[in-house]
Amino acid sequence: MPTLSCTEVDIGKAVGGCVAVVGTKHGGDVYIIAYSAVSGLFIINATKKEVTLISDLADPNTIGGISRLVNYSIKGSKVYMRTLHIRSGTLVVSDIDVDLSALSASRSEALTHSISWIDSWTEICGGVLPPYLFVTADADTEYIYCIDIDDGSTRQIATGFGQYTPGPSYKVIHYKDDVYMLLGRHYSGDTFKLLKLYSGSVTDLGFSTGGGSPRALIGGMGVFRDELLIPATSSGVVNQDNDIAILDHRFNRKVTLDVGSVTGWTTNDLIPGFFIVGKGTDRYYALLPVDRQPNGYNDTFRVYWIEFDLVNGILSSQLLYEVAVPDEVRALLFCEYCDAFGAPVIDPITKKLYFHYSVSTTTRMGICEVDLSDVWNNIIELNKHAWIIGQARIPTQLTLEVTPL
């Protein structure tokens, strides 16, 4: 089974929500670059367990700290990011240039779009569909908006949700007739929905995953050569038990993973995320981070390694990590409020997986390293929705030809 080691550090400022992330490697070290509009840029050396915070890249007028990655490129020690965050009435598009060799960075505002209904931090919590589409919701109405990142123009979609805020996501599949998106709404115990983005139709998928509200952003898709798996889970309501449904590429529910059977808890909150690492011949391998919420507050954060299939659900589990926490935990394992890039980093050379977590309203950050060596040969295919940095080394073959004198 895998092993997990974690170094918890004090980063000086709270992360302030979910961050725009890029995973890369430089000088032999694995880096997680994370931008928070409220705190600044975190350069996380995941190999050495060191964090550099460049706080002057923050926006003092941001609403909340959540940021979205729109696009990125990497050249040597340089990482170039385009991100989104919001101010009251404004969508901000920033260009961030990072130099890992100097541990320095700069931010410039490339575009700003005036959007009158933006007045709540939750309105940055939709799904970015790179490079030009941002789908989000007005926190005060039933409406979803498709926003052109390039020119700021919008298109409105009525959901019929009434006062309950819709929850768009980055979990989309393009079909011949439309773009299909997994959709939730902030209503305890509600069922998941399917939004057809261009026709604007909303269909009830007919299943719930617990007493929380259906949070479509939680849990990264499993993207493989011949199939696509879509996790769906509920969260964000105190004293509730929540499970994880696994959907196929047609948004049909294949199996439900009973989280309580793994943790033994009666309150299981999936705000920390869920990530399918890879697939084997007869099962899938995943990291399951979970919060316990007794009496309406968080007290424990755990990370499990689980193996499951699409018939029986969870086949086996192992506790990798546990720590006491005073608040919600969000991990770089496609946690709540993340975007499509909120994935862990996998280094095939060392057979290790890296992620970080933050504890809300505190300055605590955990930098975690998962050694996959014991299961590496069982994994036929890695989830390409991860940050897979580099490839395994190919042995050098030398040929010696001897010519007699």
Protein backbone atom coordinates (compact mmCIF):
# COMPACT_ATOMS: atom_id res chain seq x y z
CA MET A 1 0.00 0.00 0.00
CA PRO A 2 1.12 3.62 -0.47
CA THR A 3 2.56 5.66 2.38
CA LEU A 4 1.97 9.35 3.08
CA SER A 5 4.33 11.75 4.81
CA CYS A 6 3.29 15.30 5.59
CA THR A 7 5.07 18.43 6.78
CA GLU A 8 2.78 21.08 8.21
CA VAL A 9 4.11 24.64 7.98
CA ASP A 10 2.95 28.07 9.08
CA ILE A 11 2.65 30.13 5.91
CA GLY A 12 2.04 33.46 7.62
CA LYS A 13 -1.30 34.18 5.95
CA ALA A 14 -4.45 32.16 5.39
CA VAL A 15 -4.79 30.93 1.83
CA GLY A 16 -8.30 32.37 1.78
CA GLY A 17 -10.14 29.82 -0.33
CA CYS A 18 -9.11 27.89 -3.41
CA VAL A 19 -6.20 28.85 -5.56
CA ALA A 20 -5.16 28.88 -9.21
CA VAL A 21 -2.57 26.09 -9.42
CA VAL A 22 0.22 24.96 -11.74
CA GLY A 23 2.36 21.89 -11.03
CA THR A 24 5.86 21.61 -12.47
CA LYS A 25 9.44 20.49 -11.84
CA HIS A 26 12.60 22.58 -11.75
CA GLY A 27 16.13 21.75 -10.67
CA GLY A 28 15.04 18.27 -9.67
CA ASP A 29 12.40 19.59 -7.24
CA VAL A 30 8.61 19.39 -7.58
CA TYR A 31 6.81 22.73 -7.33
CA ILE A 32 3.19 23.65 -6.74
CA ILE A 33 2.52 27.26 -7.71
CA ALA A 34 -0.69 28.56 -6.15
CA TYR A 35 -2.22 32.03 -6.54
CA SER A 36 -4.73 33.41 -4.04
CA ALA A 37 -6.12 36.87 -4.77
CA VAL A 38 -6.42 37.65 -1.05
CA SER A 39 -2.99 36.35 0.06
CA GLY A 40 -0.70 36.40 -2.97
CA LEU A 41 1.43 33.81 -4.71
CA PHE A 42 2.60 30.69 -2.89
CA ILE A 43 5.63 28.95 -4.42
CA ILE A 44 5.56 25.54 -2.75
CA ASN A 45 8.67 23.38 -3.05
CA ALA A 46 6.94 20.07 -2.45
CA THR A 47 10.23 18.14 -2.45
CA LYS A 48 11.94 20.24 0.23
CA LYS A 49 8.67 21.14 2.01
CA GLU A 50 9.35 24.88 1.77
CA VAL A 51 6.92 27.70 1.00
CA THR A 52 7.72 31.16 -0.40
CA LEU A 53 4.88 33.69 -0.17
CA ILE A 54 4.93 36.75 -2.43
CA SER A 55 2.18 38.72 -0.74
CA ASP A 56 2.35 41.89 -2.82
CA LEU A 57 0.68 40.05 -5.71
CA ALA A 58 -2.60 40.01 -3.76
CA ASP A 59 -5.49 42.30 -4.67
CA PRO A 60 -6.56 44.32 -1.59
CA ASN A 61 -9.99 44.87 -3.14
CA THR A 62 -10.77 41.26 -3.98
CA ILE A 63 -13.97 39.63 -2.76
CA GLY A 64 -12.65 36.55 -1.00
CA GLY A 65 -9.48 34.81 -2.07
CA ILE A 66 -10.67 32.29 -4.62
CA SER A 67 -8.91 32.42 -7.99
CA ARG A 68 -9.32 30.49 -11.22
CA LEU A 69 -6.62 29.34 -13.65
CA VAL A 70 -7.57 30.16 -17.23
CA ASN A 71 -4.40 29.06 -19.00
CA TYR A 72 -0.69 28.57 -18.48
CA SER A 73 2.63 27.82 -20.16
CA ILE A 74 6.02 26.67 -18.87
CA LYS A 75 9.49 27.31 -20.28
CA GLY A 76 12.47 26.25 -18.20
CA SER A 77 12.33 28.02 -14.85
CA LYS A 78 9.55 30.36 -16.04
CA VAL A 79 5.85 29.69 -15.44
CA TYR A 80 3.23 31.94 -17.02
CA MET A 81 -0.31 31.93 -15.64
CA ARG A 82 -3.55 33.67 -16.63
CA THR A 83 -6.05 33.81 -13.75
CA LEU A 84 -9.48 35.12 -12.78
CA HIS A 85 -10.68 36.69 -9.54
CA ILE A 86 -13.36 39.24 -8.66
CA ARG A 87 -13.85 42.63 -7.11
CA SER A 88 -17.26 44.11 -6.45
CA GLY A 89 -18.82 44.60 -9.89
CA THR A 90 -15.65 43.49 -11.69
CA LEU A 91 -14.15 40.34 -13.18
CA VAL A 92 -10.35 40.62 -13.15
CA VAL A 93 -8.11 38.77 -15.62
CA SER A 94 -4.47 38.71 -14.44
CA ASP A 95 -1.22 37.61 -16.03
CA ILE A 96 1.25 36.19 -13.50
CA ASP A 97 4.89 35.54 -14.41
CA VAL A 98 6.87 33.29 -12.08
CA ASP A 99 10.64 32.68 -12.05
CA LEU A 100 11.43 29.58 -10.02
CA SER A 101 15.18 30.11 -10.22
CA ALA A 102 14.85 33.46 -8.43
CA LEU A 103 11.70 32.61 -6.43
CA SER A 104 10.15 35.80 -7.74
CA ALA A 105 6.92 36.75 -9.52
CA SER A 106 4.93 39.66 -10.91
CA ARG A 107 1.24 40.22 -11.62
CA SER A 108 -0.39 42.54 -14.14
CA GLU A 109 -4.07 43.02 -14.85
CA ALA A 110 -4.55 42.10 -18.48
CA LEU A 111 -8.33 42.73 -18.59
CA THR A 112 -11.09 43.96 -16.30
CA HIS A 113 -14.77 43.50 -17.13
CA SER A 114 -17.58 45.41 -15.46
CA ILE A 115 -20.34 42.96 -14.43
CA SER A 116 -22.96 44.60 -12.23
CA TRP A 117 -24.30 41.52 -10.39
CA ILE A 118 -20.91 40.44 -9.01
CA ASP A 119 -21.12 41.19 -5.28
CA SER A 120 -20.36 37.89 -3.48
CA TRP A 121 -17.27 35.71 -3.19
CA THR A 122 -19.23 32.65 -4.35
CA GLU A 123 -19.61 34.19 -7.79
CA ILE A 124 -16.07 33.17 -8.71
CA CYS A 125 -16.84 29.52 -7.86
CA GLY A 126 -18.01 28.37 -11.28
CA GLY A 127 -16.17 26.44 -13.97
CA VAL A 128 -13.56 27.82 -16.36
CA LEU A 129 -13.62 26.15 -19.76
CA PRO A 130 -10.31 27.35 -21.26
CA PRO A 131 -9.42 29.54 -22.92
CA TYR A 132 -12.36 31.97 -23.11
CA LEU A 133 -15.45 30.68 -21.28
CA PHE A 134 -16.32 31.10 -17.60
CA VAL A 135 -19.61 29.62 -16.36
CA THR A 136 -20.74 30.80 -12.95
CA ALA A 137 -23.86 31.76 -10.99
CA ASP A 138 -25.33 34.86 -9.40
CA ALA A 139 -25.43 34.13 -5.66
CA ASP A 140 -28.65 36.15 -5.27
CA THR A 141 -30.75 34.56 -8.03
CA GLU A 142 -31.45 31.35 -9.91
CA TYR A 143 -29.38 32.46 -12.90
CA ILE A 144 -26.25 30.96 -14.41
CA TYR A 145 -24.10 33.19 -16.60
CA CYS A 146 -21.79 32.24 -19.45
CA ILE A 147 -19.08 34.91 -19.51
CA ASP A 148 -16.70 35.55 -22.39
CA ILE A 149 -13.35 36.01 -20.66
CA ASP A 150 -11.99 37.94 -23.64
CA ASP A 151 -14.62 40.69 -23.93
CA GLY A 152 -16.76 40.32 -20.78
CA SER A 153 -20.03 39.72 -22.63
CA THR A 154 -22.53 37.41 -20.89
CA ARG A 155 -25.42 35.07 -21.62
CA GLN A 156 -28.03 34.28 -18.95
CA ILE A 157 -29.53 30.83 -18.25
CA ALA A 158 -32.61 30.44 -16.03
CA THR A 159 -32.41 27.28 -13.91
CA GLY A 160 -35.76 27.38 -12.11
CA PHE A 161 -33.94 26.95 -8.77
CA GLY A 162 -35.68 29.90 -7.13
CA GLN A 163 -33.69 31.30 -4.20
CA TYR A 164 -31.22 28.40 -4.14
CA THR A 165 -27.91 29.25 -5.79
CA PRO A 166 -26.90 27.01 -8.74
CA GLY A 167 -23.51 25.32 -8.64
CA PRO A 168 -21.95 25.04 -12.12
CA SER A 169 -18.77 23.02 -12.59
CA TYR A 170 -15.84 22.29 -14.88
CA LYS A 171 -17.16 18.73 -15.38
CA VAL A 172 -18.30 19.00 -18.98
CA ILE A 173 -18.49 16.71 -21.99
CA HIS A 174 -18.88 18.00 -25.52
CA TYR A 175 -21.45 16.12 -27.57
CA LYS A 176 -22.80 16.76 -31.05
CA ASP A 177 -25.88 18.56 -29.81
CA ASP A 178 -24.59 20.48 -26.77
CA VAL A 179 -22.08 20.81 -23.95
CA TYR A 180 -23.24 18.73 -20.96
CA MET A 181 -22.30 19.94 -17.47
CA LEU A 182 -22.71 18.41 -14.01
CA LEU A 183 -24.72 20.86 -11.92
CA GLY A 184 -25.70 21.17 -8.27
CA ARG A 185 -27.52 23.68 -6.13
CA HIS A 186 -27.10 24.85 -2.54
CA TYR A 187 -29.98 22.94 -1.02
CA SER A 188 -29.49 20.29 1.65
CA GLY A 189 -30.11 16.72 0.45
CA ASP A 190 -30.96 17.79 -3.09
CA THR A 191 -30.37 15.70 -6.21
CA PHE A 192 -27.75 16.38 -8.87
CA LYS A 193 -28.73 18.01 -12.17
CA LEU A 194 -27.47 18.02 -15.74
CA LEU A 195 -27.16 21.35 -17.55
CA LYS A 196 -27.04 21.51 -21.34
CA LEU A 197 -25.06 24.67 -21.71
CA TYR A 198 -26.22 26.02 -25.06
CA SER A 199 -29.88 24.99 -25.00
CA GLY A 200 -30.07 26.11 -21.35
CA SER A 201 -32.05 23.04 -20.25
CA VAL A 202 -31.74 21.53 -16.76
CA THR A 203 -32.51 17.83 -16.16
CA ASP A 204 -32.77 16.13 -12.78
CA LEU A 205 -30.37 13.16 -12.58
CA GLY A 206 -32.51 11.71 -9.80
CA PHE A 207 -29.95 10.83 -7.14
CA SER A 208 -28.60 12.40 -3.97
CA THR A 209 -25.32 11.60 -2.23
CA GLY A 210 -26.24 12.57 1.33
CA GLY A 211 -27.50 15.31 3.59
CA GLY A 212 -25.16 17.97 2.26
CA SER A 213 -25.90 20.10 -0.77
CA PRO A 214 -24.76 18.67 -4.12
CA ARG A 215 -21.37 20.25 -4.76
CA ALA A 216 -20.50 19.57 -8.38
CA LEU A 217 -16.99 21.02 -8.12
CA ILE A 218 -15.76 18.43 -5.61
CA GLY A 219 -13.86 15.43 -7.00
CA GLY A 220 -11.79 15.48 -10.17
CA MET A 221 -12.83 13.48 -13.20
CA GLY A 222 -11.02 10.25 -14.01
CA VAL A 223 -9.79 10.68 -17.58
CA PHE A 224 -8.45 7.57 -19.27
CA ARG A 225 -7.89 6.33 -22.81
CA ASP A 226 -11.17 4.48 -23.13
CA GLU A 227 -13.42 5.94 -20.45
CA LEU A 228 -14.26 8.94 -18.34
CA LEU A 229 -15.48 8.77 -14.73
CA ILE A 230 -17.26 11.68 -13.04
CA PRO A 231 -17.37 11.79 -9.22
CA ALA A 232 -20.33 13.57 -7.61
CA THR A 233 -20.70 14.26 -3.90
CA SER A 234 -22.55 16.41 -1.37
CA SER A 235 -21.04 18.62 1.30
CA GLY A 236 -21.18 21.87 3.23
CA VAL A 237 -24.05 21.12 5.66
CA VAL A 238 -23.12 20.39 9.28
CA ASN A 239 -23.73 17.03 10.97
CA GLN A 240 -24.43 15.16 7.74
CA ASP A 241 -23.15 11.95 6.17
CA ASN A 242 -22.18 12.15 2.51
CA ASP A 243 -21.16 9.55 -0.07
CA ILE A 244 -19.57 9.68 -3.54
CA ALA A 245 -21.41 8.64 -6.71
CA ILE A 246 -19.33 7.62 -9.74
CA LEU A 247 -20.95 8.51 -13.06
CA ASP A 248 -20.01 7.42 -16.56
CA HIS A 249 -19.54 9.72 -19.56
CA ARG A 250 -23.33 9.78 -20.16
CA PHE A 251 -23.90 10.96 -16.56
CA ASN A 252 -25.36 7.60 -15.56
CA ARG A 253 -24.64 6.61 -11.97
CA LYS A 254 -22.58 3.41 -11.96
CA VAL A 255 -21.87 2.93 -8.25
CA THR A 256 -21.96 4.79 -4.92
CA LEU A 257 -18.95 4.77 -2.59
CA ASP A 258 -20.03 4.57 1.05
CA VAL A 259 -17.62 6.95 2.81
CA GLY A 260 -18.93 6.13 6.29
CA SER A 261 -18.00 2.46 5.82
CA VAL A 262 -14.39 3.60 5.41
CA THR A 263 -14.15 6.20 8.19
CA GLY A 264 -16.55 4.71 10.73
CA TRP A 265 -17.89 8.24 11.29
CA THR A 266 -21.53 9.29 11.17
CA THR A 267 -20.60 12.75 9.85
CA ASN A 268 -18.48 12.76 6.69
CA ASP A 269 -17.83 16.00 4.82
CA LEU A 270 -16.11 15.84 1.44
CA ILE A 271 -15.10 19.50 1.17
CA PRO A 272 -11.41 18.37 1.13
CA GLY A 273 -11.92 16.68 -2.25
CA PHE A 274 -11.55 13.31 -4.00
CA PHE A 275 -9.09 12.15 -6.65
CA ILE A 276 -8.90 9.01 -8.80
CA VAL A 277 -5.17 8.32 -9.16
CA GLY A 278 -5.36 5.59 -11.80
CA LYS A 279 -6.89 2.37 -12.99
CA GLY A 280 -5.77 -1.26 -12.88
CA THR A 281 -7.05 -4.39 -14.58
CA ASP A 282 -10.07 -4.78 -12.30
CA ARG A 283 -10.22 -1.70 -10.06
CA TYR A 284 -9.53 1.97 -9.62
CA TYR A 285 -7.19 3.60 -7.11
CA ALA A 286 -8.08 6.85 -5.36
CA LEU A 287 -7.22 9.28 -2.58
CA LEU A 288 -10.12 10.10 -0.27
CA PRO A 289 -9.64 13.13 2.01
CA VAL A 290 -12.48 13.71 4.49
CA ASP A 291 -13.46 15.99 7.39
CA ARG A 292 -15.39 14.90 10.48
CA GLN A 293 -18.02 17.37 11.73
CA PRO A 294 -19.37 16.34 15.13
CA ASN A 295 -21.64 18.92 16.77
CA GLY A 296 -21.42 21.26 13.82
CA TYR A 297 -17.68 21.88 13.74
CA ASN A 298 -14.66 20.14 12.23
CA ASP A 299 -12.24 18.35 14.51
CA THR A 300 -10.41 15.75 12.38
CA PHE A 301 -8.98 15.54 8.85
CA ARG A 302 -8.05 12.18 7.33
CA VAL A 303 -6.69 10.92 4.02
CA TYR A 304 -7.44 7.36 2.87
CA TRP A 305 -6.19 5.23 0.02
CA ILE A 306 -9.12 3.34 -1.46
CA GLU A 307 -9.60 0.77 -4.19
CA PHE A 308 -13.00 0.42 -5.85
CA ASP A 309 -14.80 -0.98 -8.86
CA LEU A 310 -18.02 -0.01 -10.62
CA VAL A 311 -20.05 -2.97 -9.33
CA ASN A 312 -19.21 -3.50 -5.68
CA GLY A 313 -17.99 -0.03 -4.75
CA ILE A 314 -15.14 0.15 -2.22
CA LEU A 315 -13.02 -3.02 -2.24
CA SER A 316 -10.38 -1.97 0.29
CA SER A 317 -9.16 1.09 2.18
CA GLN A 318 -6.19 2.20 4.23
CA LEU A 319 -5.78 5.24 6.48
CA LEU A 320 -2.72 7.20 5.31
CA TYR A 321 -2.93 10.35 7.44
CA GLU A 322 -4.87 11.91 10.30
CA VAL A 323 -4.54 15.29 12.01
CA ALA A 324 -6.66 17.37 14.38
CA VAL A 325 -8.05 20.55 12.76
CA PRO A 326 -10.19 23.45 13.99
CA ASP A 327 -11.88 24.26 10.69
CA GLU A 328 -12.61 23.08 7.14
CA VAL A 329 -9.73 21.58 5.16
CA ARG A 330 -9.27 22.02 1.43
CA ALA A 331 -6.73 19.82 -0.35
CA LEU A 332 -5.20 19.90 -3.81
CA LEU A 333 -7.30 16.85 -4.59
CA PHE A 334 -10.15 18.68 -6.36
CA CYS A 335 -11.63 20.15 -3.19
CA GLU A 336 -14.75 22.30 -2.97
CA TYR A 337 -14.46 25.62 -4.86
CA CYS A 338 -11.51 24.34 -6.93
CA ASP A 339 -11.27 24.61 -10.70
CA ALA A 340 -10.37 22.12 -13.42
CA PHE A 341 -6.66 22.46 -12.60
CA GLY A 342 -6.97 21.68 -8.87
CA ALA A 343 -5.15 18.36 -9.20
CA PRO A 344 -2.22 16.78 -7.38
CA VAL A 345 1.22 16.48 -8.98
CA ILE A 346 2.53 13.05 -10.00
CA ASP A 347 6.22 12.45 -10.68
CA PRO A 348 6.61 9.16 -12.61
CA ILE A 349 10.39 9.18 -12.09
CA THR A 350 10.16 8.98 -8.30
CA LYS A 351 6.71 7.31 -8.31
CA LYS A 352 5.43 9.94 -5.91
CA LEU A 353 2.31 12.10 -5.73
CA TYR A 354 2.28 15.54 -4.12
CA PHE A 355 -0.51 17.77 -2.84
CA HIS A 356 -1.00 20.44 -0.23
CA TYR A 357 -3.89 21.24 2.07
CA SER A 358 -4.89 24.39 3.93
CA VAL A 359 -7.02 24.81 7.04
CA SER A 360 -9.61 27.58 6.61
CA THR A 361 -9.17 30.80 8.62
CA THR A 362 -5.73 29.61 9.86
CA THR A 363 -2.18 29.94 8.53
CA ARG A 364 -1.66 26.16 8.51
CA MET A 365 -0.59 24.41 5.31
CA GLY A 366 0.30 20.74 4.98
CA ILE A 367 2.66 19.63 2.22
CA CYS A 368 2.03 15.95 1.54
CA GLU A 369 4.05 13.34 -0.33
CA VAL A 370 2.49 9.99 -1.24
CA ASP A 371 4.88 7.19 -2.17
CA LEU A 372 3.14 5.03 -4.79
CA SER A 373 6.00 2.55 -5.25
CA ASP A 374 4.13 -0.39 -3.72
CA VAL A 375 1.18 -0.04 -6.10
CA TRP A 376 2.91 1.51 -9.10
CA ASN A 377 3.06 -1.70 -11.14
CA ASN A 378 -0.65 -2.35 -10.45
CA ILE A 379 -1.61 0.96 -12.05
CA ILE A 380 -2.02 0.38 -15.77
CA GLU A 381 -2.96 3.97 -16.55
CA LEU A 382 -2.62 7.20 -14.59
CA ASN A 383 -5.47 9.70 -14.53
CA LYS A 384 -4.37 12.27 -17.07
CA HIS A 385 -6.40 14.88 -15.18
CA ALA A 386 -3.41 15.07 -12.80
CA TRP A 387 -0.32 17.25 -13.19
CA ILE A 388 1.95 14.52 -14.58
CA ILE A 389 5.42 16.06 -14.72
CA GLY A 390 7.93 14.39 -17.02
CA GLN A 391 8.17 10.75 -17.87
CA ALA A 392 9.96 7.75 -16.42
CA ARG A 393 13.62 7.48 -17.32
CA ILE A 394 14.49 5.27 -20.28
CA PRO A 395 17.68 3.27 -19.65
CA THR A 396 20.57 4.23 -21.92
CA GLN A 397 21.68 1.38 -24.17
CA LEU A 398 25.33 1.36 -25.23
CA THR A 399 26.71 -0.69 -28.09
CA LEU A 400 30.42 -1.48 -28.14
CA GLU A 401 32.00 -2.52 -31.39
CA VAL A 402 35.55 -3.90 -31.22
CA THR A 403 37.72 -3.96 -34.31
CA PRO A 404 40.72 -6.32 -34.10
CA LEU A 405 44.10 -4.71 -34.69
